[in-house]
């Protein structure tokens, strides 16, 4: 989870730099998205496993009913 946060933070900073025309920042974004994909897959597997074992519980959705006045 910590790796994911760090990677997203650095990608966000590099996106701003790339938008301004920094070519090396654009290259870091391209390589960063590959890392993001790998970390995302690991996170998804771990979260599904935690959900199945009961270590992580889903939040229940709350239904909101609106009444007409």
PDB file of N, CA and C in Angstrom:
ATOM      1  N   UNK A   1       0.831  -1.192   0.000  1.00  0.00           N
ATOM      2  CA  UNK A   1       0.000   0.000   0.000  1.00  0.00           C
ATOM      3  C   UNK A   1       0.878   1.260   0.000  1.00  0.00           C
ATOM      4  N   UNK A   2       1.948   1.212   0.788  1.00  0.00           N
ATOM      5  CA  UNK A   2       2.835   2.367   0.873  1.00  0.00           C
ATOM      6  C   UNK A   2       3.529   2.603  -0.472  1.00  0.00           C
ATOM      7  N   UNK A   3       3.927   1.523  -1.147  1.00  0.00           N
ATOM      8  CA  UNK A   3       4.566   1.654  -2.458  1.00  0.00           C
ATOM      9  C   UNK A   3       3.609   2.292  -3.467  1.00  0.00           C
ATOM     10  N   UNK A   4       2.375   1.894  -3.403  1.00  0.00           N
ATOM     11  CA  UNK A   4       1.365   2.420  -4.313  1.00  0.00           C
ATOM     12  C   UNK A   4       1.187   3.925  -4.113  1.00  0.00           C
ATOM     13  N   UNK A   5       1.125   4.345  -2.862  1.00  0.00           N
ATOM     14  CA  UNK A   5       0.981   5.775  -2.565  1.00  0.00           C
ATOM     15  C   UNK A   5       2.179   6.566  -3.058  1.00  0.00           C
ATOM     16  N   UNK A   6       3.383   6.047  -2.817  1.00  0.00           N
ATOM     17  CA  UNK A   6       4.595   6.745  -3.255  1.00  0.00           C
ATOM     18  C   UNK A   6       4.645   6.864  -4.773  1.00  0.00           C
ATOM     19  N   UNK A   7       4.307   5.777  -5.448  1.00  0.00           N
ATOM     20  CA  UNK A   7       4.349   5.782  -6.903  1.00  0.00           C
ATOM     21  C   UNK A   7       3.334   6.764  -7.474  1.00  0.00           C
ATOM     22  N   UNK A   8       2.135   6.781  -6.926  1.00  0.00           N
ATOM     23  CA  UNK A   8       1.119   7.721  -7.412  1.00  0.00           C
ATOM     24  C   UNK A   8       1.531   9.167  -7.171  1.00  0.00           C
ATOM     25  N   UNK A   9       2.158   9.422  -6.044  1.00  0.00           N
ATOM     26  CA  UNK A   9       2.622  10.778  -5.747  1.00  0.00           C
ATOM     27  C   UNK A   9       3.690  11.217  -6.738  1.00  0.00           C
ATOM     28  N   UNK A  10       4.651  10.341  -6.997  1.00  0.00           N
ATOM     29  CA  UNK A  10       5.722  10.706  -7.931  1.00  0.00           C
ATOM     30  C   UNK A  10       5.195  10.842  -9.357  1.00  0.00           C
ATOM     31  N   UNK A  11       4.244   9.992  -9.734  1.00  0.00           N
ATOM     32  CA  UNK A  11       3.665  10.107 -11.071  1.00  0.00           C
ATOM     33  C   UNK A  11       2.897  11.420 -11.236  1.00  0.00           C
ATOM     34  N   UNK A  12       2.215  11.821 -10.187  1.00  0.00           N
ATOM     35  CA  UNK A  12       1.466  13.079 -10.239  1.00  0.00           C
ATOM     36  C   UNK A  12       2.410  14.264 -10.435  1.00  0.00           C
ATOM     37  N   UNK A  13       3.507  14.270  -9.695  1.00  0.00           N
ATOM     38  CA  UNK A  13       4.492  15.355  -9.835  1.00  0.00           C
ATOM     39  C   UNK A  13       5.095  15.354 -11.232  1.00  0.00           C
ATOM     40  N   UNK A  14       5.412  14.159 -11.740  1.00  0.00           N
ATOM     41  CA  UNK A  14       6.001  14.067 -13.069  1.00  0.00           C
ATOM     42  C   UNK A  14       5.010  14.462 -14.155  1.00  0.00           C
ATOM     43  N   UNK A  15       3.723  14.227 -13.941  1.00  0.00           N
ATOM     44  CA  UNK A  15       2.723  14.627 -14.929  1.00  0.00           C
ATOM     45  C   UNK A  15       2.676  16.141 -15.079  1.00  0.00           C
ATOM     46  N   UNK A  16       2.827  16.834 -13.969  1.00  0.00           N
ATOM     47  CA  UNK A  16       2.843  18.298 -14.017  1.00  0.00           C
ATOM     48  C   UNK A  16       4.061  18.779 -14.801  1.00  0.00           C
ATOM     49  N   UNK A  17       5.217  18.154 -14.521  1.00  0.00           N
ATOM     50  CA  UNK A  17       6.444  18.525 -15.218  1.00  0.00           C
ATOM     51  C   UNK A  17       6.352  18.196 -16.705  1.00  0.00           C
ATOM     52  N   UNK A  18       5.794  17.037 -17.031  1.00  0.00           N
ATOM     53  CA  UNK A  18       5.673  16.640 -18.435  1.00  0.00           C
ATOM     54  C   UNK A  18       4.730  17.567 -19.191  1.00  0.00           C
ATOM     55  N   UNK A  19       3.696  18.012 -18.523  1.00  0.00           N
ATOM     56  CA  UNK A  19       2.754  18.936 -19.148  1.00  0.00           C
ATOM     57  C   UNK A  19       3.437  20.253 -19.512  1.00  0.00           C
ATOM     58  N   UNK A  20       4.449  20.603 -18.737  1.00  0.00           N
ATOM     59  CA  UNK A  20       5.202  21.836 -19.002  1.00  0.00           C
ATOM     60  C   UNK A  20       6.259  21.634 -20.088  1.00  0.00           C
ATOM     61  N   UNK A  21       6.437  20.367 -20.538  1.00  0.00           N
ATOM     62  CA  UNK A  21       7.381  20.122 -21.626  1.00  0.00           C
ATOM     63  C   UNK A  21       8.626  19.346 -21.240  1.00  0.00           C
ATOM     64  N   UNK A  22       8.720  18.879 -20.016  1.00  0.00           N
ATOM     65  CA  UNK A  22       9.891  18.130 -19.570  1.00  0.00           C
ATOM     66  C   UNK A  22       9.830  16.711 -20.139  1.00  0.00           C
ATOM     67  N   UNK A  23      10.760  16.408 -21.068  1.00  0.00           N
ATOM     68  CA  UNK A  23      10.737  15.111 -21.746  1.00  0.00           C
ATOM     69  C   UNK A  23      11.161  13.967 -20.822  1.00  0.00           C
ATOM     70  N   UNK A  24      12.080  14.214 -19.909  1.00  0.00           N
ATOM     71  CA  UNK A  24      12.503  13.137 -19.004  1.00  0.00           C
ATOM     72  C   UNK A  24      11.392  12.772 -18.023  1.00  0.00           C
ATOM     73  N   UNK A  25      10.594  13.743 -17.642  1.00  0.00           N
ATOM     74  CA  UNK A  25       9.451  13.460 -16.768  1.00  0.00           C
ATOM     75  C   UNK A  25       8.436  12.596 -17.511  1.00  0.00           C
ATOM     76  N   UNK A  26       8.254  12.858 -18.797  1.00  0.00           N
ATOM     77  CA  UNK A  26       7.343  12.038 -19.596  1.00  0.00           C
ATOM     78  C   UNK A  26       7.840  10.600 -19.675  1.00  0.00           C
ATOM     79  N   UNK A  27       9.142  10.416 -19.787  1.00  0.00           N
ATOM     80  CA  UNK A  27       9.717   9.073 -19.810  1.00  0.00           C
ATOM     81  C   UNK A  27       9.507   8.373 -18.463  1.00  0.00           C
ATOM     82  N   UNK A  28       9.673   9.116 -17.366  1.00  0.00           N
ATOM     83  CA  UNK A  28       9.443   8.532 -16.040  1.00  0.00           C
ATOM     84  C   UNK A  28       7.985   8.113 -15.871  1.00  0.00           C
ATOM     85  N   UNK A  29       7.070   8.867 -16.466  1.00  0.00           N
ATOM     86  CA  UNK A  29       5.650   8.506 -16.399  1.00  0.00           C
ATOM     87  C   UNK A  29       5.408   7.203 -17.151  1.00  0.00           C
ATOM     88  N   UNK A  30       5.999   7.063 -18.321  1.00  0.00           N
ATOM     89  CA  UNK A  30       5.796   5.838 -19.099  1.00  0.00           C
ATOM     90  C   UNK A  30       6.320   4.616 -18.354  1.00  0.00           C
ATOM     91  N   UNK A  31       7.491   4.728 -17.753  1.00  0.00           N
ATOM     92  CA  UNK A  31       8.016   3.583 -16.991  1.00  0.00           C
ATOM     93  C   UNK A  31       7.248   3.404 -15.688  1.00  0.00           C
ATOM     94  N   UNK A  32       6.782   4.495 -15.129  1.00  0.00           N
ATOM     95  CA  UNK A  32       6.015   4.433 -13.879  1.00  0.00           C
ATOM     96  C   UNK A  32       4.678   3.741 -14.044  1.00  0.00           C
ATOM     97  N   UNK A  33       4.061   3.894 -15.210  1.00  0.00           N
ATOM     98  CA  UNK A  33       2.781   3.234 -15.426  1.00  0.00           C
ATOM     99  C   UNK A  33       2.943   1.716 -15.506  1.00  0.00           C
ATOM    100  N   UNK A  34       4.085   1.264 -15.978  1.00  0.00           N
ATOM    101  CA  UNK A  34       4.356  -0.174 -15.985  1.00  0.00           C
ATOM    102  C   UNK A  34       4.488  -0.675 -14.554  1.00  0.00           C
ATOM    103  N   UNK A  35       5.192   0.080 -13.714  1.00  0.00           N
ATOM    104  CA  UNK A  35       5.322  -0.284 -12.293  1.00  0.00           C
ATOM    105  C   UNK A  35       3.964  -0.247 -11.607  1.00  0.00           C
ATOM    106  N   UNK A  36       3.168   0.753 -11.965  1.00  0.00           N
ATOM    107  CA  UNK A  36       1.830   0.896 -11.380  1.00  0.00           C
ATOM    108  C   UNK A  36       0.969  -0.325 -11.683  1.00  0.00           C
ATOM    109  N   UNK A  37       1.073  -0.823 -12.889  1.00  0.00           N
ATOM    110  CA  UNK A  37       0.308  -2.004 -13.272  1.00  0.00           C
ATOM    111  C   UNK A  37       0.713  -3.207 -12.417  1.00  0.00           C
ATOM    112  N   UNK A  38       2.009  -3.396 -12.230  1.00  0.00           N
ATOM    113  CA  UNK A  38       2.504  -4.536 -11.438  1.00  0.00           C
ATOM    114  C   UNK A  38       2.088  -4.425  -9.977  1.00  0.00           C
ATOM    115  N   UNK A  39       2.259  -3.252  -9.401  1.00  0.00           N
ATOM    116  CA  UNK A  39       1.890  -3.047  -7.998  1.00  0.00           C
ATOM    117  C   UNK A  39       0.379  -3.165  -7.829  1.00  0.00           C
ATOM    118  N   UNK A  40      -0.368  -2.674  -8.806  1.00  0.00           N
ATOM    119  CA  UNK A  40      -1.824  -2.764  -8.755  1.00  0.00           C
ATOM    120  C   UNK A  40      -2.319  -4.196  -8.751  1.00  0.00           C
ATOM    121  N   UNK A  41      -1.670  -5.056  -9.536  1.00  0.00           N
ATOM    122  CA  UNK A  41      -2.056  -6.462  -9.569  1.00  0.00           C
ATOM    123  C   UNK A  41      -1.790  -7.134  -8.233  1.00  0.00           C
ATOM    124  N   UNK A  42      -0.642  -6.826  -7.622  1.00  0.00           N
ATOM    125  CA  UNK A  42      -0.309  -7.391  -6.313  1.00  0.00           C
ATOM    126  C   UNK A  42      -1.308  -6.914  -5.270  1.00  0.00           C
ATOM    127  N   UNK A  43      -1.626  -5.629  -5.302  1.00  0.00           N
ATOM    128  CA  UNK A  43      -2.582  -5.075  -4.349  1.00  0.00           C
ATOM    129  C   UNK A  43      -3.950  -5.726  -4.490  1.00  0.00           C
ATOM    130  N   UNK A  44      -4.383  -5.916  -5.735  1.00  0.00           N
ATOM    131  CA  UNK A  44      -5.677  -6.532  -5.983  1.00  0.00           C
ATOM    132  C   UNK A  44      -5.720  -7.955  -5.437  1.00  0.00           C
ATOM    133  N   UNK A  45      -4.663  -8.737  -5.664  1.00  0.00           N
ATOM    134  CA  UNK A  45      -4.606 -10.111  -5.160  1.00  0.00           C
ATOM    135  C   UNK A  45      -4.637 -10.140  -3.634  1.00  0.00           C
ATOM    136  N   UNK A  46      -3.858  -9.261  -3.008  1.00  0.00           N
ATOM    137  CA  UNK A  46      -3.811  -9.222  -1.545  1.00  0.00           C
ATOM    138  C   UNK A  46      -5.150  -8.786  -0.957  1.00  0.00           C
ATOM    139  N   UNK A  47      -5.793  -7.829  -1.584  1.00  0.00           N
ATOM    140  CA  UNK A  47      -7.067  -7.354  -1.035  1.00  0.00           C
ATOM    141  C   UNK A  47      -8.162  -8.408  -1.178  1.00  0.00           C
ATOM    142  N   UNK A  48      -8.156  -9.150  -2.275  1.00  0.00           N
ATOM    143  CA  UNK A  48      -9.141 -10.225  -2.446  1.00  0.00           C
ATOM    144  C   UNK A  48      -8.890 -11.325  -1.426  1.00  0.00           C
ATOM    145  N   UNK A  49      -7.622 -11.679  -1.226  1.00  0.00           N
ATOM    146  CA  UNK A  49      -7.276 -12.699  -0.243  1.00  0.00           C
ATOM    147  C   UNK A  49      -7.675 -12.267   1.159  1.00  0.00           C
ATOM    148  N   UNK A  50      -7.422 -11.021   1.503  1.00  0.00           N
ATOM    149  CA  UNK A  50      -7.782 -10.508   2.827  1.00  0.00           C
ATOM    150  C   UNK A  50      -9.291 -10.492   3.018  1.00  0.00           C
ATOM    151  N   UNK A  51     -10.015 -10.188   1.974  1.00  0.00           N
ATOM    152  CA  UNK A  51     -11.473 -10.164   2.045  1.00  0.00           C
ATOM    153  C   UNK A  51     -12.032 -11.571   2.283  1.00  0.00           C
ATOM    154  N   UNK A  52     -11.430 -12.557   1.619  1.00  0.00           N
ATOM    155  CA  UNK A  52     -11.898 -13.933   1.756  1.00  0.00           C
ATOM    156  C   UNK A  52     -11.568 -14.517   3.124  1.00  0.00           C
ATOM    157  N   UNK A  53     -10.433 -14.125   3.698  1.00  0.00           N
ATOM    158  CA  UNK A  53     -10.044 -14.660   5.005  1.00  0.00           C
ATOM    159  C   UNK A  53     -10.690 -13.911   6.156  1.00  0.00           C
ATOM    160  N   UNK A  54     -11.328 -12.790   5.876  1.00  0.00           N
ATOM    161  CA  UNK A  54     -12.013 -12.033   6.915  1.00  0.00           C
ATOM    162  C   UNK A  54     -11.156 -10.961   7.557  1.00  0.00           C
ATOM    163  N   UNK A  55      -9.947 -10.755   7.058  1.00  0.00           N
ATOM    164  CA  UNK A  55      -9.082  -9.717   7.622  1.00  0.00           C
ATOM    165  C   UNK A  55      -9.521  -8.323   7.193  1.00  0.00           C
ATOM    166  N   UNK A  56     -10.211  -8.273   6.090  1.00  0.00           N
ATOM    167  CA  UNK A  56     -10.677  -7.003   5.552  1.00  0.00           C
ATOM    168  C   UNK A  56     -12.169  -7.136   5.295  1.00  0.00           C
ATOM    169  N   UNK A  57     -12.939  -6.253   5.870  1.00  0.00           N
ATOM    170  CA  UNK A  57     -14.384  -6.328   5.709  1.00  0.00           C
ATOM    171  C   UNK A  57     -14.850  -5.219   4.786  1.00  0.00           C
ATOM    172  N   UNK A  58     -15.782  -5.570   3.923  1.00  0.00           N
ATOM    173  CA  UNK A  58     -16.382  -4.575   3.039  1.00  0.00           C
ATOM    174  C   UNK A  58     -17.282  -3.659   3.844  1.00  0.00           C
ATOM    175  N   UNK A  59     -17.297  -2.411   3.463  1.00  0.00           N
ATOM    176  CA  UNK A  59     -18.246  -1.495   4.069  1.00  0.00           C
ATOM    177  C   UNK A  59     -19.598  -1.741   3.423  1.00  0.00           C
ATOM    178  N   UNK A  60     -20.593  -1.793   4.239  1.00  0.00           N
ATOM    179  CA  UNK A  60     -21.930  -2.010   3.700  1.00  0.00           C
ATOM    180  C   UNK A  60     -22.452  -0.717   3.115  1.00  0.00           C
ATOM    181  N   UNK A  61     -23.076  -0.842   1.996  1.00  0.00           N
ATOM    182  CA  UNK A  61     -23.634   0.349   1.372  1.00  0.00           C
ATOM    183  C   UNK A  61     -24.942   0.708   2.058  1.00  0.00           C
ATOM    184  N   UNK A  62     -25.163   1.971   2.167  1.00  0.00           N
ATOM    185  CA  UNK A  62     -26.371   2.469   2.819  1.00  0.00           C
ATOM    186  C   UNK A  62     -27.301   2.978   1.733  1.00  0.00           C
ATOM    187  N   UNK A  63     -28.515   2.475   1.757  1.00  0.00           N
ATOM    188  CA  UNK A  63     -29.497   2.929   0.781  1.00  0.00           C
ATOM    189  C   UNK A  63     -30.142   4.205   1.294  1.00  0.00           C
ATOM    190  N   UNK A  64     -30.207   5.166   0.420  1.00  0.00           N
ATOM    191  CA  UNK A  64     -30.805   6.438   0.779  1.00  0.00           C
ATOM    192  C   UNK A  64     -32.126   6.555   0.034  1.00  0.00           C
ATOM    193  N   UNK A  65     -33.166   6.783   0.766  1.00  0.00           N
ATOM    194  CA  UNK A  65     -34.503   6.943   0.171  1.00  0.00           C
ATOM    195  C   UNK A  65     -34.893   8.413   0.270  1.00  0.00           C
ATOM    196  N   UNK A  66     -35.276   8.931  -0.850  1.00  0.00           N
ATOM    197  CA  UNK A  66     -35.718  10.323  -0.875  1.00  0.00           C
ATOM    198  C   UNK A  66     -37.236  10.334  -1.010  1.00  0.00           C
ATOM    199  N   UNK A  67     -37.837  11.145  -0.202  1.00  0.00           N
ATOM    200  CA  UNK A  67     -39.296  11.293  -0.265  1.00  0.00           C
ATOM    201  C   UNK A  67     -39.618  12.626  -0.911  1.00  0.00           C
ATOM    202  N   UNK A  68     -40.659  12.597  -1.694  1.00  0.00           N
ATOM    203  CA  UNK A  68     -41.107  13.837  -2.302  1.00  0.00           C
ATOM    204  C   UNK A  68     -41.861  14.639  -1.265  1.00  0.00           C
ATOM    205  N   UNK A  69     -41.625  15.959  -1.211  1.00  0.00           N
ATOM    206  CA  UNK A  69     -42.327  16.783  -0.206  1.00  0.00           C
ATOM    207  C   UNK A  69     -43.787  16.968  -0.497  1.00  0.00           C
TER     208      UNK A  69
END
